[in-house]
Amino acid sequence: MKDPHNYAQVGYAMILVAGSLAAIGLMSIFLAEDVLFSDTIARDNTAHFNECKENDFLEEGCERYWNRINNEISGIYVDLPK
């Protein structure tokens, strides 16, 4: 059986894997202060939604929820400005 001689392709793949692991390592260094980074973002977004809900989605910044309310699934009905 003939040797396929694909050592170069294997080498490039190993370099790619090493590079991606290095990128993940650098990201973890920068995010090490806040281990629950995505949890913090989710909690902030939930708090913003609840604040908008208390004010009937009429404050500035609450426009992004307008297409998700006033339907049967959400159960939130508000008179929105046109």
PDB file of N, CA and C in Angstrom:
ATOM      1  N   MET A   1       0.844  -1.171   0.000  1.00  0.00           N
ATOM      2  CA  MET A   1       0.000   0.000   0.000  1.00  0.00           C
ATOM      3  C   MET A   1       0.895   1.242   0.000  1.00  0.00           C
ATOM      4  N   LYS A   2       0.546   2.206  -0.821  1.00  0.00           N
ATOM      5  CA  LYS A   2       1.358   3.399  -0.978  1.00  0.00           C
ATOM      6  C   LYS A   2       1.075   4.385   0.146  1.00  0.00           C
ATOM      7  N   ASP A   3       2.112   5.030   0.649  1.00  0.00           N
ATOM      8  CA  ASP A   3       1.982   6.040   1.708  1.00  0.00           C
ATOM      9  C   ASP A   3       1.337   7.299   1.113  1.00  0.00           C
ATOM     10  N   PRO A   4       0.260   7.836   1.732  1.00  0.00           N
ATOM     11  CA  PRO A   4      -0.455   8.955   1.120  1.00  0.00           C
ATOM     12  C   PRO A   4       0.289  10.288   1.190  1.00  0.00           C
ATOM     13  N   HIS A   5       1.296  10.434   2.017  1.00  0.00           N
ATOM     14  CA  HIS A   5       2.094  11.661   2.121  1.00  0.00           C
ATOM     15  C   HIS A   5       1.240  12.900   2.387  1.00  0.00           C
ATOM     16  N   ASN A   6       0.381  12.818   3.371  1.00  0.00           N
ATOM     17  CA  ASN A   6      -0.432  13.978   3.703  1.00  0.00           C
ATOM     18  C   ASN A   6       0.044  14.636   4.999  1.00  0.00           C
ATOM     19  N   TYR A   7       1.339  14.569   5.244  1.00  0.00           N
ATOM     20  CA  TYR A   7       1.903  15.126   6.473  1.00  0.00           C
ATOM     21  C   TYR A   7       1.720  16.640   6.534  1.00  0.00           C
ATOM     22  N   ALA A   8       1.783  17.307   5.406  1.00  0.00           N
ATOM     23  CA  ALA A   8       1.636  18.767   5.386  1.00  0.00           C
ATOM     24  C   ALA A   8       0.220  19.162   5.808  1.00  0.00           C
ATOM     25  N   GLN A   9      -0.771  18.450   5.323  1.00  0.00           N
ATOM     26  CA  GLN A   9      -2.151  18.764   5.691  1.00  0.00           C
ATOM     27  C   GLN A   9      -2.382  18.530   7.181  1.00  0.00           C
ATOM     28  N   VAL A  10      -1.809  17.477   7.704  1.00  0.00           N
ATOM     29  CA  VAL A  10      -1.930  17.190   9.135  1.00  0.00           C
ATOM     30  C   VAL A  10      -1.231  18.284   9.935  1.00  0.00           C
ATOM     31  N   GLY A  11      -0.115  18.741   9.476  1.00  0.00           N
ATOM     32  CA  GLY A  11       0.614  19.811  10.154  1.00  0.00           C
ATOM     33  C   GLY A  11      -0.171  21.104  10.181  1.00  0.00           C
ATOM     34  N   TYR A  12      -0.803  21.448   9.047  1.00  0.00           N
ATOM     35  CA  TYR A  12      -1.625  22.661   8.995  1.00  0.00           C
ATOM     36  C   TYR A  12      -2.834  22.547   9.925  1.00  0.00           C
ATOM     37  N   ALA A  13      -3.411  21.379   9.996  1.00  0.00           N
ATOM     38  CA  ALA A  13      -4.550  21.166  10.891  1.00  0.00           C
ATOM     39  C   ALA A  13      -4.123  21.317  12.345  1.00  0.00           C
ATOM     40  N   MET A  14      -2.943  20.821  12.686  1.00  0.00           N
ATOM     41  CA  MET A  14      -2.447  20.962  14.059  1.00  0.00           C
ATOM     42  C   MET A  14      -2.182  22.427  14.396  1.00  0.00           C
ATOM     43  N   ILE A  15      -1.666  23.185  13.437  1.00  0.00           N
ATOM     44  CA  ILE A  15      -1.441  24.613  13.642  1.00  0.00           C
ATOM     45  C   ILE A  15      -2.775  25.328  13.855  1.00  0.00           C
ATOM     46  N   LEU A  16      -3.781  24.966  13.083  1.00  0.00           N
ATOM     47  CA  LEU A  16      -5.104  25.571  13.221  1.00  0.00           C
ATOM     48  C   LEU A  16      -5.706  25.268  14.585  1.00  0.00           C
ATOM     49  N   VAL A  17      -5.588  24.047  15.039  1.00  0.00           N
ATOM     50  CA  VAL A  17      -6.107  23.673  16.362  1.00  0.00           C
ATOM     51  C   VAL A  17      -5.361  24.432  17.456  1.00  0.00           C
ATOM     52  N   ALA A  18      -4.058  24.523  17.336  1.00  0.00           N
ATOM     53  CA  ALA A  18      -3.270  25.241  18.334  1.00  0.00           C
ATOM     54  C   ALA A  18      -3.644  26.720  18.361  1.00  0.00           C
ATOM     55  N   GLY A  19      -3.875  27.299  17.195  1.00  0.00           N
ATOM     56  CA  GLY A  19      -4.270  28.708  17.129  1.00  0.00           C
ATOM     57  C   GLY A  19      -5.621  28.953  17.768  1.00  0.00           C
ATOM     58  N   SER A  20      -6.574  28.063  17.521  1.00  0.00           N
ATOM     59  CA  SER A  20      -7.903  28.245  18.110  1.00  0.00           C
ATOM     60  C   SER A  20      -7.857  28.064  19.625  1.00  0.00           C
ATOM     61  N   LEU A  21      -7.048  27.132  20.113  1.00  0.00           N
ATOM     62  CA  LEU A  21      -6.893  26.964  21.562  1.00  0.00           C
ATOM     63  C   LEU A  21      -6.215  28.178  22.188  1.00  0.00           C
ATOM     64  N   ALA A  22      -5.277  28.763  21.476  1.00  0.00           N
ATOM     65  CA  ALA A  22      -4.631  29.981  21.979  1.00  0.00           C
ATOM     66  C   ALA A  22      -5.631  31.130  22.041  1.00  0.00           C
ATOM     67  N   ALA A  23      -6.506  31.236  21.037  1.00  0.00           N
ATOM     68  CA  ALA A  23      -7.532  32.284  21.048  1.00  0.00           C
ATOM     69  C   ALA A  23      -8.491  32.095  22.216  1.00  0.00           C
ATOM     70  N   ILE A  24      -8.881  30.873  22.476  1.00  0.00           N
ATOM     71  CA  ILE A  24      -9.755  30.588  23.623  1.00  0.00           C
ATOM     72  C   ILE A  24      -9.052  30.947  24.927  1.00  0.00           C
ATOM     73  N   GLY A  25      -7.776  30.640  25.015  1.00  0.00           N
ATOM     74  CA  GLY A  25      -7.010  30.985  26.212  1.00  0.00           C
ATOM     75  C   GLY A  25      -6.926  32.485  26.431  1.00  0.00           C
ATOM     76  N   LEU A  26      -6.709  33.251  25.353  1.00  0.00           N
ATOM     77  CA  LEU A  26      -6.662  34.708  25.479  1.00  0.00           C
ATOM     78  C   LEU A  26      -8.012  35.274  25.898  1.00  0.00           C
ATOM     79  N   MET A  27      -9.079  34.717  25.362  1.00  0.00           N
ATOM     80  CA  MET A  27     -10.419  35.175  25.764  1.00  0.00           C
ATOM     81  C   MET A  27     -10.665  34.895  27.238  1.00  0.00           C
ATOM     82  N   SER A  28     -10.221  33.756  27.715  1.00  0.00           N
ATOM     83  CA  SER A  28     -10.439  33.424  29.124  1.00  0.00           C
ATOM     84  C   SER A  28      -9.626  34.332  30.035  1.00  0.00           C
ATOM     85  N   ILE A  29      -8.478  34.795  29.583  1.00  0.00           N
ATOM     86  CA  ILE A  29      -7.683  35.730  30.384  1.00  0.00           C
ATOM     87  C   ILE A  29      -8.421  37.058  30.538  1.00  0.00           C
ATOM     88  N   PHE A  30      -9.006  37.555  29.438  1.00  0.00           N
ATOM     89  CA  PHE A  30      -9.696  38.839  29.489  1.00  0.00           C
ATOM     90  C   PHE A  30     -11.029  38.758  30.222  1.00  0.00           C
ATOM     91  N   LEU A  31     -11.661  37.600  30.241  1.00  0.00           N
ATOM     92  CA  LEU A  31     -12.951  37.438  30.906  1.00  0.00           C
ATOM     93  C   LEU A  31     -12.812  36.789  32.284  1.00  0.00           C
ATOM     94  N   ALA A  32     -11.598  36.646  32.775  1.00  0.00           N
ATOM     95  CA  ALA A  32     -11.385  35.933  34.030  1.00  0.00           C
ATOM     96  C   ALA A  32     -11.974  36.670  35.230  1.00  0.00           C
ATOM     97  N   GLU A  33     -12.112  37.991  35.148  1.00  0.00           N
ATOM     98  CA  GLU A  33     -12.668  38.747  36.263  1.00  0.00           C
ATOM     99  C   GLU A  33     -14.146  38.429  36.461  1.00  0.00           C
ATOM    100  N   ASP A  34     -14.836  38.216  35.377  1.00  0.00           N
ATOM    101  CA  ASP A  34     -16.271  37.951  35.441  1.00  0.00           C
ATOM    102  C   ASP A  34     -16.534  36.558  34.869  1.00  0.00           C
ATOM    103  N   VAL A  35     -16.518  35.560  35.741  1.00  0.00           N
ATOM    104  CA  VAL A  35     -16.645  34.180  35.288  1.00  0.00           C
ATOM    105  C   VAL A  35     -18.041  33.912  34.734  1.00  0.00           C
ATOM    106  N   LEU A  36     -19.027  34.582  35.268  1.00  0.00           N
ATOM    107  CA  LEU A  36     -20.407  34.395  34.812  1.00  0.00           C
ATOM    108  C   LEU A  36     -20.797  35.524  33.862  1.00  0.00           C
ATOM    109  N   PHE A  37     -19.971  35.770  32.857  1.00  0.00           N
ATOM    110  CA  PHE A  37     -20.170  36.877  31.937  1.00  0.00           C
ATOM    111  C   PHE A  37     -21.522  36.798  31.231  1.00  0.00           C
ATOM    112  N   SER A  38     -21.862  35.642  30.682  1.00  0.00           N
ATOM    113  CA  SER A  38     -23.131  35.504  29.961  1.00  0.00           C
ATOM    114  C   SER A  38     -24.316  35.575  30.916  1.00  0.00           C
ATOM    115  N   ASP A  39     -24.142  35.097  32.142  1.00  0.00           N
ATOM    116  CA  ASP A  39     -25.212  35.187  33.135  1.00  0.00           C
ATOM    117  C   ASP A  39     -25.479  36.640  33.503  1.00  0.00           C
ATOM    118  N   THR A  40     -24.435  37.428  33.610  1.00  0.00           N
ATOM    119  CA  THR A  40     -24.580  38.847  33.906  1.00  0.00           C
ATOM    120  C   THR A  40     -25.336  39.560  32.787  1.00  0.00           C
ATOM    121  N   ILE A  41     -25.007  39.233  31.553  1.00  0.00           N
ATOM    122  CA  ILE A  41     -25.702  39.838  30.412  1.00  0.00           C
ATOM    123  C   ILE A  41     -27.177  39.459  30.426  1.00  0.00           C
ATOM    124  N   ALA A  42     -27.477  38.197  30.680  1.00  0.00           N
ATOM    125  CA  ALA A  42     -28.870  37.738  30.706  1.00  0.00           C
ATOM    126  C   ALA A  42     -29.650  38.407  31.830  1.00  0.00           C
ATOM    127  N   ARG A  43     -29.039  38.546  32.992  1.00  0.00           N
ATOM    128  CA  ARG A  43     -29.716  39.203  34.119  1.00  0.00           C
ATOM    129  C   ARG A  43     -29.970  40.676  33.827  1.00  0.00           C
ATOM    130  N   ASP A  44     -29.018  41.344  33.191  1.00  0.00           N
ATOM    131  CA  ASP A  44     -29.204  42.751  32.828  1.00  0.00           C
ATOM    132  C   ASP A  44     -30.347  42.915  31.825  1.00  0.00           C
ATOM    133  N   ASN A  45     -30.404  42.021  30.835  1.00  0.00           N
ATOM    134  CA  ASN A  45     -31.479  42.090  29.853  1.00  0.00           C
ATOM    135  C   ASN A  45     -32.836  41.808  30.487  1.00  0.00           C
ATOM    136  N   THR A  46     -32.903  40.866  31.420  1.00  0.00           N
ATOM    137  CA  THR A  46     -34.160  40.569  32.109  1.00  0.00           C
ATOM    138  C   THR A  46     -34.598  41.748  32.958  1.00  0.00           C
ATOM    139  N   ALA A  47     -33.651  42.386  33.642  1.00  0.00           N
ATOM    140  CA  ALA A  47     -33.985  43.554  34.454  1.00  0.00           C
ATOM    141  C   ALA A  47     -34.493  44.691  33.578  1.00  0.00           C
ATOM    142  N   HIS A  48     -33.875  44.885  32.406  1.00  0.00           N
ATOM    143  CA  HIS A  48     -34.330  45.931  31.484  1.00  0.00           C
ATOM    144  C   HIS A  48     -35.740  45.635  30.988  1.00  0.00           C
ATOM    145  N   PHE A  49     -36.018  44.388  30.651  1.00  0.00           N
ATOM    146  CA  PHE A  49     -37.358  44.022  30.185  1.00  0.00           C
ATOM    147  C   PHE A  49     -38.394  44.264  31.277  1.00  0.00           C
ATOM    148  N   ASN A  50     -38.086  43.873  32.512  1.00  0.00           N
ATOM    149  CA  ASN A  50     -39.035  44.070  33.603  1.00  0.00           C
ATOM    150  C   ASN A  50     -39.266  45.550  33.886  1.00  0.00           C
ATOM    151  N   GLU A  51     -38.223  46.370  33.747  1.00  0.00           N
ATOM    152  CA  GLU A  51     -38.373  47.814  33.923  1.00  0.00           C
ATOM    153  C   GLU A  51     -39.256  48.395  32.822  1.00  0.00           C
ATOM    154  N   CYS A  52     -39.064  47.935  31.595  1.00  0.00           N
ATOM    155  CA  CYS A  52     -39.908  48.395  30.487  1.00  0.00           C
ATOM    156  C   CYS A  52     -41.350  47.941  30.690  1.00  0.00           C
ATOM    157  N   LYS A  53     -41.528  46.745  31.199  1.00  0.00           N
ATOM    158  CA  LYS A  53     -42.871  46.210  31.420  1.00  0.00           C
ATOM    159  C   LYS A  53     -43.626  47.041  32.460  1.00  0.00           C
ATOM    160  N   GLU A  54     -42.919  47.486  33.497  1.00  0.00           N
ATOM    161  CA  GLU A  54     -43.551  48.323  34.520  1.00  0.00           C
ATOM    162  C   GLU A  54     -44.003  49.665  33.952  1.00  0.00           C
ATOM    163  N   ASN A  55     -43.297  50.160  32.940  1.00  0.00           N
ATOM    164  CA  ASN A  55     -43.608  51.463  32.345  1.00  0.00           C
ATOM    165  C   ASN A  55     -44.365  51.328  31.024  1.00  0.00           C
ATOM    166  N   ASP A  56     -45.006  50.193  30.797  1.00  0.00           N
ATOM    167  CA  ASP A  56     -45.817  49.920  29.598  1.00  0.00           C
ATOM    168  C   ASP A  56     -45.042  50.077  28.291  1.00  0.00           C
ATOM    169  N   PHE A  57     -43.748  49.806  28.314  1.00  0.00           N
ATOM    170  CA  PHE A  57     -42.895  49.799  27.125  1.00  0.00           C
ATOM    171  C   PHE A  57     -42.901  51.139  26.390  1.00  0.00           C
ATOM    172  N   LEU A  58     -43.095  52.228  27.104  1.00  0.00           N
ATOM    173  CA  LEU A  58     -43.162  53.551  26.477  1.00  0.00           C
ATOM    174  C   LEU A  58     -41.879  54.352  26.665  1.00  0.00           C
ATOM    175  N   GLU A  59     -40.944  53.889  27.476  1.00  0.00           N
ATOM    176  CA  GLU A  59     -39.698  54.617  27.680  1.00  0.00           C
ATOM    177  C   GLU A  59     -38.760  54.411  26.503  1.00  0.00           C
ATOM    178  N   GLU A  60     -37.754  55.267  26.459  1.00  0.00           N
ATOM    179  CA  GLU A  60     -36.754  55.146  25.401  1.00  0.00           C
ATOM    180  C   GLU A  60     -35.938  53.870  25.611  1.00  0.00           C
ATOM    181  N   GLY A  61     -35.720  53.129  24.566  1.00  0.00           N
ATOM    182  CA  GLY A  61     -34.981  51.880  24.647  1.00  0.00           C
ATOM    183  C   GLY A  61     -35.878  50.661  24.715  1.00  0.00           C
ATOM    184  N   CYS A  62     -37.159  50.856  24.938  1.00  0.00           N
ATOM    185  CA  CYS A  62     -38.096  49.735  25.038  1.00  0.00           C
ATOM    186  C   CYS A  62     -38.741  49.400  23.698  1.00  0.00           C
ATOM    187  N   GLU A  63     -38.363  50.135  22.660  1.00  0.00           N
ATOM    188  CA  GLU A  63     -38.951  49.906  21.335  1.00  0.00           C
ATOM    189  C   GLU A  63     -38.602  48.528  20.793  1.00  0.00           C
ATOM    190  N   ARG A  64     -37.505  47.963  21.246  1.00  0.00           N
ATOM    191  CA  ARG A  64     -37.083  46.668  20.707  1.00  0.00           C
ATOM    192  C   ARG A  64     -38.007  45.532  21.115  1.00  0.00           C
ATOM    193  N   TYR A  65     -38.857  45.767  22.110  1.00  0.00           N
ATOM    194  CA  TYR A  65     -39.803  44.737  22.552  1.00  0.00           C
ATOM    195  C   TYR A  65     -41.170  44.874  21.897  1.00  0.00           C
ATOM    196  N   TRP A  66     -41.392  45.938  21.143  1.00  0.00           N
ATOM    197  CA  TRP A  66     -42.725  46.208  20.596  1.00  0.00           C
ATOM    198  C   TRP A  66     -43.202  45.101  19.666  1.00  0.00           C
ATOM    199  N   ASN A  67     -42.325  44.482  18.921  1.00  0.00           N
ATOM    200  CA  ASN A  67     -42.767  43.442  17.992  1.00  0.00           C
ATOM    201  C   ASN A  67     -43.037  42.113  18.691  1.00  0.00           C
ATOM    202  N   ARG A  68     -42.706  42.010  19.992  1.00  0.00           N
ATOM    203  CA  ARG A  68     -42.915  40.764  20.718  1.00  0.00           C
ATOM    204  C   ARG A  68     -44.092  40.817  21.681  1.00  0.00           C
ATOM    205  N   ILE A  69     -44.706  41.980  21.834  1.00  0.00           N
ATOM    206  CA  ILE A  69     -45.832  42.090  22.763  1.00  0.00           C
ATOM    207  C   ILE A  69     -47.120  42.258  21.972  1.00  0.00           C
ATOM    208  N   ASN A  70     -48.241  42.404  22.700  1.00  0.00           N
ATOM    209  CA  ASN A  70     -49.568  42.543  22.098  1.00  0.00           C
ATOM    210  C   ASN A  70     -49.948  41.327  21.259  1.00  0.00           C
ATOM    211  N   ASN A  71     -49.652  40.151  21.768  1.00  0.00           N
ATOM    212  CA  ASN A  71     -50.124  38.942  21.126  1.00  0.00           C
ATOM    213  C   ASN A  71     -50.493  37.925  22.204  1.00  0.00           C
ATOM    214  N   GLU A  72     -51.162  36.895  21.790  1.00  0.00           N
ATOM    215  CA  GLU A  72     -51.678  35.901  22.726  1.00  0.00           C
ATOM    216  C   GLU A  72     -50.561  35.131  23.429  1.00  0.00           C
ATOM    217  N   ILE A  73     -49.471  34.898  22.741  1.00  0.00           N
ATOM    218  CA  ILE A  73     -48.390  34.112  23.316  1.00  0.00           C
ATOM    219  C   ILE A  73     -47.716  34.850  24.470  1.00  0.00           C
ATOM    220  N   SER A  74     -47.441  36.160  24.284  1.00  0.00           N
ATOM    221  CA  SER A  74     -46.760  36.892  25.345  1.00  0.00           C
ATOM    222  C   SER A  74     -47.709  37.209  26.506  1.00  0.00           C
ATOM    223  N   GLY A  75     -48.967  37.413  26.208  1.00  0.00           N
ATOM    224  CA  GLY A  75     -49.933  37.746  27.248  1.00  0.00           C
ATOM    225  C   GLY A  75     -49.804  39.159  27.738  1.00  0.00           C
ATOM    226  N   ILE A  76     -49.052  40.001  27.039  1.00  0.00           N
ATOM    227  CA  ILE A  76     -48.855  41.391  27.408  1.00  0.00           C
ATOM    228  C   ILE A  76     -49.550  42.251  26.360  1.00  0.00           C
ATOM    229  N   TYR A  77     -50.486  43.047  26.799  1.00  0.00           N
ATOM    230  CA  TYR A  77     -51.226  43.919  25.874  1.00  0.00           C
ATOM    231  C   TYR A  77     -51.051  45.361  26.327  1.00  0.00           C
ATOM    232  N   VAL A  78     -50.491  46.192  25.437  1.00  0.00           N
ATOM    233  CA  VAL A  78     -50.200  47.589  25.735  1.00  0.00           C
ATOM    234  C   VAL A  78     -50.615  48.417  24.539  1.00  0.00           C
ATOM    235  N   ASP A  79     -51.139  49.625  24.809  1.00  0.00           N
ATOM    236  CA  ASP A  79     -51.426  50.573  23.732  1.00  0.00           C
ATOM    237  C   ASP A  79     -50.134  51.287  23.369  1.00  0.00           C
ATOM    238  N   LEU A  80     -49.618  50.994  22.191  1.00  0.00           N
ATOM    239  CA  LEU A  80     -48.349  51.568  21.764  1.00  0.00           C
ATOM    240  C   LEU A  80     -48.601  52.795  20.897  1.00  0.00           C
ATOM    241  N   PRO A  81     -47.699  53.789  20.943  1.00  0.00           N
ATOM    242  CA  PRO A  81     -47.838  54.942  20.063  1.00  0.00           C
ATOM    243  C   PRO A  81     -47.544  54.531  18.629  1.00  0.00           C
ATOM    244  N   LYS A  82     -48.125  55.238  17.710  1.00  0.00           N
ATOM    245  CA  LYS A  82     -47.953  54.893  16.283  1.00  0.00           C
ATOM    246  C   LYS A  82     -46.720  55.501  15.707  1.00  0.00           C
TER     247      LYS A  82
END
